[in-house]
Amino acid sequence: MWKIAYPTLDKIGEIIIATTRPETMLGDVAVAVHPDDERYKKLIGTRILLPIVDKEIPIIADEYVDMSYGTGAVKITPAHDPNDFEIAKRHDLPLESIISPEGKMINVPAQFLGLTPVEARARVSGSVGGAGATPR
């Protein structure tokens, strides 16, 4: 698992997600937490900054999230994960494809365009701050 810190818009706090595919963070449209998770209740409905992309995304509540897995906060990349796709449908989130049928990165910042997901993973892990994209 890789852990990545997503800063709050006020830059005072952060939410840390755990993922097996850090390169797909470039297509995140939200971070989801369980509605009953006391650690994150105050953050539900707020917005955070997607690292590298510098795009604001919401923190949403969804019962699909397993509070005991990883950090209990899940990045939502609906065009590249079937569970995320279902969450996106429930919350009316956009679908943003970042990997072409040919296996190259698309619709991402310039430094990632045309890379394979494996190449993008290496570059993402060297680009994010906070908790960083580090295997844990």
N, C-alpha and C. Protein backbone atom coordinates (compact mmCIF):
# COMPACT_ATOMS: atom_id res chain seq x y z
N MET A 1 0.84 -1.19 0.00
CA MET A 1 0.00 0.00 0.00
C MET A 1 0.88 1.25 0.00
N TRP A 2 0.45 2.23 -0.73
CA TRP A 2 1.11 3.52 -0.78
C TRP A 2 0.23 4.51 -0.03
N LYS A 3 0.81 5.42 0.70
CA LYS A 3 0.07 6.45 1.41
C LYS A 3 0.40 7.81 0.79
N ILE A 4 -0.67 8.59 0.55
CA ILE A 4 -0.51 9.90 -0.07
C ILE A 4 -1.33 10.91 0.72
N ALA A 5 -0.72 12.03 1.05
CA ALA A 5 -1.40 13.10 1.78
C ALA A 5 -2.05 14.07 0.80
N TYR A 6 -3.33 14.34 1.02
CA TYR A 6 -4.08 15.33 0.25
C TYR A 6 -4.34 16.49 1.21
N PRO A 7 -3.76 17.68 0.95
CA PRO A 7 -3.93 18.80 1.89
C PRO A 7 -5.33 19.41 1.83
N THR A 8 -5.77 19.90 3.00
CA THR A 8 -7.01 20.67 3.02
C THR A 8 -6.75 21.99 2.33
N LEU A 9 -7.80 22.65 1.90
CA LEU A 9 -7.62 23.90 1.15
C LEU A 9 -6.96 24.99 1.99
N ASP A 10 -7.16 24.93 3.30
CA ASP A 10 -6.53 25.95 4.15
C ASP A 10 -5.06 25.62 4.44
N LYS A 11 -4.59 24.47 3.94
CA LYS A 11 -3.20 24.02 4.09
C LYS A 11 -2.82 23.76 5.56
N ILE A 12 -3.82 23.69 6.43
CA ILE A 12 -3.56 23.44 7.85
C ILE A 12 -3.59 21.95 8.15
N GLY A 13 -4.40 21.22 7.44
CA GLY A 13 -4.52 19.80 7.69
C GLY A 13 -4.37 19.00 6.41
N GLU A 14 -4.60 17.71 6.54
CA GLU A 14 -4.53 16.81 5.39
C GLU A 14 -5.34 15.57 5.68
N ILE A 15 -5.66 14.85 4.63
CA ILE A 15 -6.27 13.54 4.75
C ILE A 15 -5.34 12.59 4.01
N ILE A 16 -5.04 11.48 4.62
CA ILE A 16 -4.10 10.53 4.01
C ILE A 16 -4.88 9.34 3.50
N ILE A 17 -4.67 9.02 2.24
CA ILE A 17 -5.30 7.85 1.63
C ILE A 17 -4.24 6.76 1.46
N ALA A 18 -4.70 5.54 1.37
CA ALA A 18 -3.82 4.41 1.08
C ALA A 18 -4.31 3.79 -0.22
N THR A 19 -3.38 3.44 -1.09
CA THR A 19 -3.75 2.90 -2.39
C THR A 19 -2.71 1.90 -2.88
N THR A 20 -3.15 1.03 -3.75
CA THR A 20 -2.21 0.12 -4.41
C THR A 20 -1.78 0.67 -5.77
N ARG A 21 -2.45 1.73 -6.24
CA ARG A 21 -2.15 2.31 -7.55
C ARG A 21 -2.01 3.83 -7.46
N PRO A 22 -0.88 4.31 -6.96
CA PRO A 22 -0.73 5.76 -6.79
C PRO A 22 -0.82 6.55 -8.08
N GLU A 23 -0.46 5.94 -9.20
CA GLU A 23 -0.49 6.66 -10.48
C GLU A 23 -1.90 7.08 -10.87
N THR A 24 -2.93 6.36 -10.39
CA THR A 24 -4.29 6.73 -10.77
C THR A 24 -4.80 7.94 -10.00
N MET A 25 -4.04 8.40 -9.02
CA MET A 25 -4.47 9.60 -8.28
C MET A 25 -4.63 10.80 -9.22
N LEU A 26 -3.95 10.76 -10.34
CA LEU A 26 -4.03 11.86 -11.30
C LEU A 26 -5.44 12.02 -11.86
N GLY A 27 -6.27 10.99 -11.73
CA GLY A 27 -7.65 11.03 -12.20
C GLY A 27 -8.67 11.02 -11.07
N ASP A 28 -8.24 11.26 -9.86
CA ASP A 28 -9.18 11.28 -8.73
C ASP A 28 -10.19 12.40 -8.89
N VAL A 29 -11.43 12.10 -8.49
CA VAL A 29 -12.49 13.11 -8.53
C VAL A 29 -13.05 13.37 -7.13
N ALA A 30 -12.65 12.56 -6.15
CA ALA A 30 -13.11 12.73 -4.76
C ALA A 30 -12.29 11.82 -3.86
N VAL A 31 -12.43 12.03 -2.56
CA VAL A 31 -11.97 11.10 -1.55
C VAL A 31 -13.20 10.74 -0.74
N ALA A 32 -13.39 9.44 -0.51
CA ALA A 32 -14.56 8.96 0.23
C ALA A 32 -14.16 8.43 1.59
N VAL A 33 -15.02 8.68 2.56
CA VAL A 33 -14.87 8.14 3.91
C VAL A 33 -16.22 7.56 4.32
N HIS A 34 -16.20 6.68 5.30
CA HIS A 34 -17.47 6.12 5.79
C HIS A 34 -18.20 7.19 6.60
N PRO A 35 -19.52 7.31 6.44
CA PRO A 35 -20.25 8.37 7.15
C PRO A 35 -20.20 8.25 8.67
N ASP A 36 -19.91 7.06 9.19
CA ASP A 36 -19.85 6.86 10.64
C ASP A 36 -18.44 6.94 11.21
N ASP A 37 -17.45 7.24 10.38
CA ASP A 37 -16.06 7.27 10.84
C ASP A 37 -15.78 8.60 11.53
N GLU A 38 -15.65 8.52 12.85
CA GLU A 38 -15.45 9.73 13.67
C GLU A 38 -14.18 10.50 13.28
N ARG A 39 -13.18 9.82 12.74
CA ARG A 39 -11.93 10.50 12.36
C ARG A 39 -12.15 11.54 11.27
N TYR A 40 -13.17 11.32 10.44
CA TYR A 40 -13.34 12.16 9.25
C TYR A 40 -14.66 12.91 9.19
N LYS A 41 -15.55 12.71 10.17
CA LYS A 41 -16.88 13.34 10.10
C LYS A 41 -16.82 14.83 9.83
N LYS A 42 -15.90 15.53 10.48
CA LYS A 42 -15.84 16.99 10.31
C LYS A 42 -15.35 17.40 8.92
N LEU A 43 -14.75 16.47 8.18
CA LEU A 43 -14.25 16.79 6.84
C LEU A 43 -15.26 16.52 5.73
N ILE A 44 -16.30 15.74 6.02
CA ILE A 44 -17.29 15.41 4.99
C ILE A 44 -17.93 16.70 4.48
N GLY A 45 -17.94 16.85 3.17
CA GLY A 45 -18.51 18.03 2.54
C GLY A 45 -17.49 19.14 2.30
N THR A 46 -16.28 18.97 2.82
CA THR A 46 -15.24 19.96 2.55
C THR A 46 -14.49 19.57 1.28
N ARG A 47 -13.54 20.39 0.90
CA ARG A 47 -12.77 20.13 -0.31
C ARG A 47 -11.28 20.08 0.05
N ILE A 48 -10.56 19.28 -0.71
CA ILE A 48 -9.12 19.14 -0.53
C ILE A 48 -8.45 19.39 -1.87
N LEU A 49 -7.14 19.45 -1.83
CA LEU A 49 -6.37 19.70 -3.05
C LEU A 49 -5.72 18.40 -3.52
N LEU A 50 -6.03 18.01 -4.75
CA LEU A 50 -5.43 16.83 -5.34
C LEU A 50 -3.96 17.15 -5.65
N PRO A 51 -3.02 16.48 -4.96
CA PRO A 51 -1.61 16.78 -5.20
C PRO A 51 -1.22 16.61 -6.67
N ILE A 52 -0.20 17.28 -7.07
CA ILE A 52 0.36 17.29 -8.42
C ILE A 52 -0.56 17.99 -9.41
N VAL A 53 -1.83 17.63 -9.42
CA VAL A 53 -2.80 18.18 -10.37
C VAL A 53 -3.28 19.56 -9.90
N ASP A 54 -3.20 19.82 -8.60
CA ASP A 54 -3.66 21.07 -8.01
C ASP A 54 -5.12 21.36 -8.37
N LYS A 55 -5.95 20.36 -8.19
CA LYS A 55 -7.37 20.48 -8.48
C LYS A 55 -8.13 20.24 -7.17
N GLU A 56 -9.15 21.06 -6.92
CA GLU A 56 -9.99 20.86 -5.75
C GLU A 56 -10.93 19.68 -5.99
N ILE A 57 -11.01 18.78 -4.99
CA ILE A 57 -11.95 17.67 -5.06
C ILE A 57 -12.65 17.56 -3.71
N PRO A 58 -13.87 17.01 -3.69
CA PRO A 58 -14.62 16.93 -2.44
C PRO A 58 -14.27 15.69 -1.61
N ILE A 59 -14.55 15.80 -0.32
CA ILE A 59 -14.56 14.63 0.56
C ILE A 59 -16.02 14.25 0.72
N ILE A 60 -16.34 13.02 0.34
CA ILE A 60 -17.72 12.55 0.38
C ILE A 60 -17.85 11.40 1.38
N ALA A 61 -19.07 11.14 1.78
CA ALA A 61 -19.35 10.02 2.69
C ALA A 61 -20.07 8.93 1.90
N ASP A 62 -19.57 7.69 2.03
CA ASP A 62 -20.21 6.56 1.35
C ASP A 62 -20.02 5.31 2.22
N GLU A 63 -21.08 4.57 2.38
CA GLU A 63 -21.04 3.37 3.23
C GLU A 63 -20.20 2.25 2.65
N TYR A 64 -19.80 2.34 1.41
CA TYR A 64 -18.93 1.32 0.81
C TYR A 64 -17.56 1.28 1.49
N VAL A 65 -17.10 2.42 1.98
CA VAL A 65 -15.75 2.54 2.54
C VAL A 65 -15.62 1.67 3.79
N ASP A 66 -14.56 0.88 3.84
CA ASP A 66 -14.24 0.05 4.99
C ASP A 66 -13.35 0.87 5.92
N MET A 67 -13.89 1.25 7.07
CA MET A 67 -13.16 2.11 8.00
C MET A 67 -11.87 1.47 8.52
N SER A 68 -11.80 0.15 8.51
CA SER A 68 -10.64 -0.53 9.08
C SER A 68 -9.56 -0.86 8.05
N TYR A 69 -9.81 -0.58 6.78
CA TYR A 69 -8.84 -0.90 5.74
C TYR A 69 -8.01 0.32 5.39
N GLY A 70 -6.71 0.15 5.34
CA GLY A 70 -5.83 1.27 5.01
C GLY A 70 -5.99 2.39 6.01
N THR A 71 -6.26 3.59 5.53
CA THR A 71 -6.46 4.73 6.41
C THR A 71 -7.94 5.03 6.64
N GLY A 72 -8.81 4.28 5.97
CA GLY A 72 -10.24 4.54 6.06
C GLY A 72 -10.69 5.65 5.14
N ALA A 73 -9.78 6.18 4.34
CA ALA A 73 -10.08 7.21 3.34
C ALA A 73 -9.68 6.64 1.98
N VAL A 74 -10.60 6.72 1.01
CA VAL A 74 -10.40 6.08 -0.29
C VAL A 74 -10.43 7.12 -1.39
N LYS A 75 -9.40 7.11 -2.25
CA LYS A 75 -9.41 7.98 -3.42
C LYS A 75 -10.39 7.41 -4.44
N ILE A 76 -11.14 8.27 -5.09
CA ILE A 76 -12.16 7.81 -6.04
C ILE A 76 -11.72 8.17 -7.46
N THR A 77 -11.43 7.13 -8.23
CA THR A 77 -11.00 7.27 -9.62
C THR A 77 -11.96 6.44 -10.47
N PRO A 78 -13.15 6.95 -10.75
CA PRO A 78 -14.23 6.13 -11.31
C PRO A 78 -14.01 5.56 -12.70
N ALA A 79 -13.18 6.17 -13.51
CA ALA A 79 -12.96 5.63 -14.86
C ALA A 79 -12.02 4.43 -14.85
N HIS A 80 -11.42 4.12 -13.70
CA HIS A 80 -10.41 3.07 -13.66
C HIS A 80 -10.62 2.05 -12.55
N ASP A 81 -11.77 2.07 -11.89
CA ASP A 81 -12.06 1.10 -10.84
C ASP A 81 -13.57 0.89 -10.78
N PRO A 82 -14.03 -0.35 -10.84
CA PRO A 82 -15.49 -0.58 -10.86
C PRO A 82 -16.19 -0.14 -9.57
N ASN A 83 -15.56 -0.31 -8.42
CA ASN A 83 -16.19 0.15 -7.18
C ASN A 83 -16.27 1.66 -7.13
N ASP A 84 -15.20 2.31 -7.57
CA ASP A 84 -15.20 3.77 -7.63
C ASP A 84 -16.26 4.27 -8.62
N PHE A 85 -16.45 3.54 -9.70
CA PHE A 85 -17.48 3.89 -10.69
C PHE A 85 -18.86 3.91 -10.04
N GLU A 86 -19.14 2.90 -9.22
CA GLU A 86 -20.44 2.83 -8.54
C GLU A 86 -20.60 3.97 -7.54
N ILE A 87 -19.54 4.29 -6.81
CA ILE A 87 -19.59 5.41 -5.88
C ILE A 87 -19.83 6.71 -6.65
N ALA A 88 -19.15 6.87 -7.76
CA ALA A 88 -19.31 8.08 -8.58
C ALA A 88 -20.75 8.23 -9.06
N LYS A 89 -21.36 7.13 -9.47
CA LYS A 89 -22.76 7.19 -9.91
C LYS A 89 -23.66 7.64 -8.76
N ARG A 90 -23.44 7.11 -7.56
CA ARG A 90 -24.28 7.47 -6.41
C ARG A 90 -24.12 8.94 -6.04
N HIS A 91 -22.95 9.52 -6.29
CA HIS A 91 -22.66 10.89 -5.86
C HIS A 91 -22.57 11.87 -7.03
N ASP A 92 -22.95 11.43 -8.21
CA ASP A 92 -22.96 12.28 -9.40
C ASP A 92 -21.60 12.94 -9.64
N LEU A 93 -20.55 12.10 -9.59
CA LEU A 93 -19.18 12.58 -9.82
C LEU A 93 -18.79 12.35 -11.28
N PRO A 94 -17.89 13.15 -11.81
CA PRO A 94 -17.47 12.98 -13.21
C PRO A 94 -16.57 11.75 -13.39
N LEU A 95 -16.55 11.24 -14.62
CA LEU A 95 -15.65 10.14 -14.99
C LEU A 95 -14.53 10.75 -15.82
N GLU A 96 -13.31 10.62 -15.34
CA GLU A 96 -12.17 11.20 -16.04
C GLU A 96 -11.16 10.10 -16.35
N SER A 97 -11.09 9.69 -17.60
CA SER A 97 -10.16 8.65 -18.00
C SER A 97 -8.75 9.22 -18.09
N ILE A 98 -7.79 8.50 -17.49
CA ILE A 98 -6.40 8.96 -17.54
C ILE A 98 -5.46 7.94 -18.16
N ILE A 99 -5.99 6.77 -18.51
CA ILE A 99 -5.17 5.74 -19.18
C ILE A 99 -5.87 5.37 -20.47
N SER A 100 -5.17 5.54 -21.58
CA SER A 100 -5.76 5.26 -22.89
C SER A 100 -5.88 3.76 -23.11
N PRO A 101 -6.68 3.33 -24.10
CA PRO A 101 -6.75 1.90 -24.43
C PRO A 101 -5.38 1.32 -24.82
N GLU A 102 -4.46 2.19 -25.25
CA GLU A 102 -3.11 1.75 -25.61
C GLU A 102 -2.18 1.67 -24.38
N GLY A 103 -2.71 2.00 -23.19
CA GLY A 103 -1.91 1.91 -21.98
C GLY A 103 -0.99 3.08 -21.75
N LYS A 104 -1.37 4.25 -22.21
CA LYS A 104 -0.57 5.47 -22.01
C LYS A 104 -1.39 6.48 -21.21
N MET A 105 -0.70 7.29 -20.44
CA MET A 105 -1.36 8.31 -19.63
C MET A 105 -1.89 9.44 -20.52
N ILE A 106 -3.16 9.82 -20.29
CA ILE A 106 -3.82 10.90 -21.01
C ILE A 106 -4.56 11.77 -20.00
N ASN A 107 -4.90 12.99 -20.39
CA ASN A 107 -5.68 13.89 -19.54
C ASN A 107 -5.02 14.09 -18.17
N VAL A 108 -3.71 14.22 -18.17
CA VAL A 108 -2.92 14.39 -16.94
C VAL A 108 -1.95 15.55 -17.15
N PRO A 109 -1.32 16.04 -16.08
CA PRO A 109 -0.32 17.10 -16.27
C PRO A 109 0.77 16.68 -17.26
N ALA A 110 1.35 17.66 -17.92
CA ALA A 110 2.28 17.43 -19.02
C ALA A 110 3.41 16.46 -18.70
N GLN A 111 3.92 16.50 -17.47
CA GLN A 111 5.06 15.63 -17.14
C GLN A 111 4.68 14.14 -17.10
N PHE A 112 3.39 13.83 -17.20
CA PHE A 112 2.94 12.43 -17.17
C PHE A 112 2.37 11.96 -18.51
N LEU A 113 2.10 12.89 -19.41
CA LEU A 113 1.49 12.55 -20.71
C LEU A 113 2.34 11.54 -21.47
N GLY A 114 1.68 10.49 -21.96
CA GLY A 114 2.35 9.49 -22.79
C GLY A 114 3.12 8.43 -22.02
N LEU A 115 3.25 8.58 -20.72
CA LEU A 115 3.94 7.56 -19.93
C LEU A 115 3.08 6.31 -19.77
N THR A 116 3.69 5.19 -19.50
CA THR A 116 2.94 4.01 -19.11
C THR A 116 2.54 4.21 -17.64
N PRO A 117 1.54 3.48 -17.15
CA PRO A 117 1.19 3.59 -15.72
C PRO A 117 2.37 3.28 -14.80
N VAL A 118 3.22 2.34 -15.16
CA VAL A 118 4.38 2.01 -14.32
C VAL A 118 5.34 3.19 -14.27
N GLU A 119 5.58 3.83 -15.41
CA GLU A 119 6.44 5.01 -15.44
C GLU A 119 5.81 6.16 -14.64
N ALA A 120 4.50 6.33 -14.78
CA ALA A 120 3.80 7.39 -14.04
C ALA A 120 3.86 7.13 -12.54
N ARG A 121 3.76 5.86 -12.14
CA ARG A 121 3.84 5.52 -10.71
C ARG A 121 5.16 6.01 -10.12
N ALA A 122 6.25 5.75 -10.82
CA ALA A 122 7.56 6.17 -10.33
C ALA A 122 7.63 7.69 -10.22
N ARG A 123 7.08 8.38 -11.20
CA ARG A 123 7.13 9.84 -11.19
C ARG A 123 6.21 10.42 -10.12
N VAL A 124 5.03 9.81 -9.92
CA VAL A 124 4.12 10.28 -8.88
C VAL A 124 4.78 10.13 -7.51
N SER A 125 5.41 8.99 -7.28
CA SER A 125 6.01 8.76 -5.96
C SER A 125 7.12 9.76 -5.66
N GLY A 126 7.73 10.31 -6.67
CA GLY A 126 8.77 11.31 -6.45
C GLY A 126 8.24 12.73 -6.42
N SER A 127 6.93 12.92 -6.67
CA SER A 127 6.38 14.26 -6.81
C SER A 127 5.51 14.74 -5.66
N VAL A 128 4.94 13.84 -4.86
CA VAL A 128 3.99 14.28 -3.85
C VAL A 128 4.67 14.56 -2.52
N GLY A 129 4.13 15.54 -1.83
CA GLY A 129 4.67 15.91 -0.52
C GLY A 129 3.84 15.32 0.60
N GLY A 130 3.91 15.94 1.76
CA GLY A 130 3.17 15.47 2.93
C GLY A 130 3.64 14.09 3.32
N ALA A 131 2.70 13.14 3.41
CA ALA A 131 3.07 11.77 3.75
C ALA A 131 3.80 11.12 2.58
N GLY A 132 3.71 11.78 1.41
CA GLY A 132 4.39 11.24 0.22
C GLY A 132 3.73 9.99 -0.30
N ALA A 133 4.08 9.62 -1.49
CA ALA A 133 3.60 8.36 -2.05
C ALA A 133 4.68 7.34 -1.76
N THR A 134 4.58 6.78 -0.61
CA THR A 134 5.60 5.83 -0.17
C THR A 134 4.97 4.49 0.16
N PRO A 135 5.61 3.40 -0.26
CA PRO A 135 5.04 2.11 0.10
C PRO A 135 5.14 1.92 1.61
N ARG A 136 4.06 1.46 2.21
CA ARG A 136 4.02 1.27 3.67
C ARG A 136 3.59 -0.15 3.96
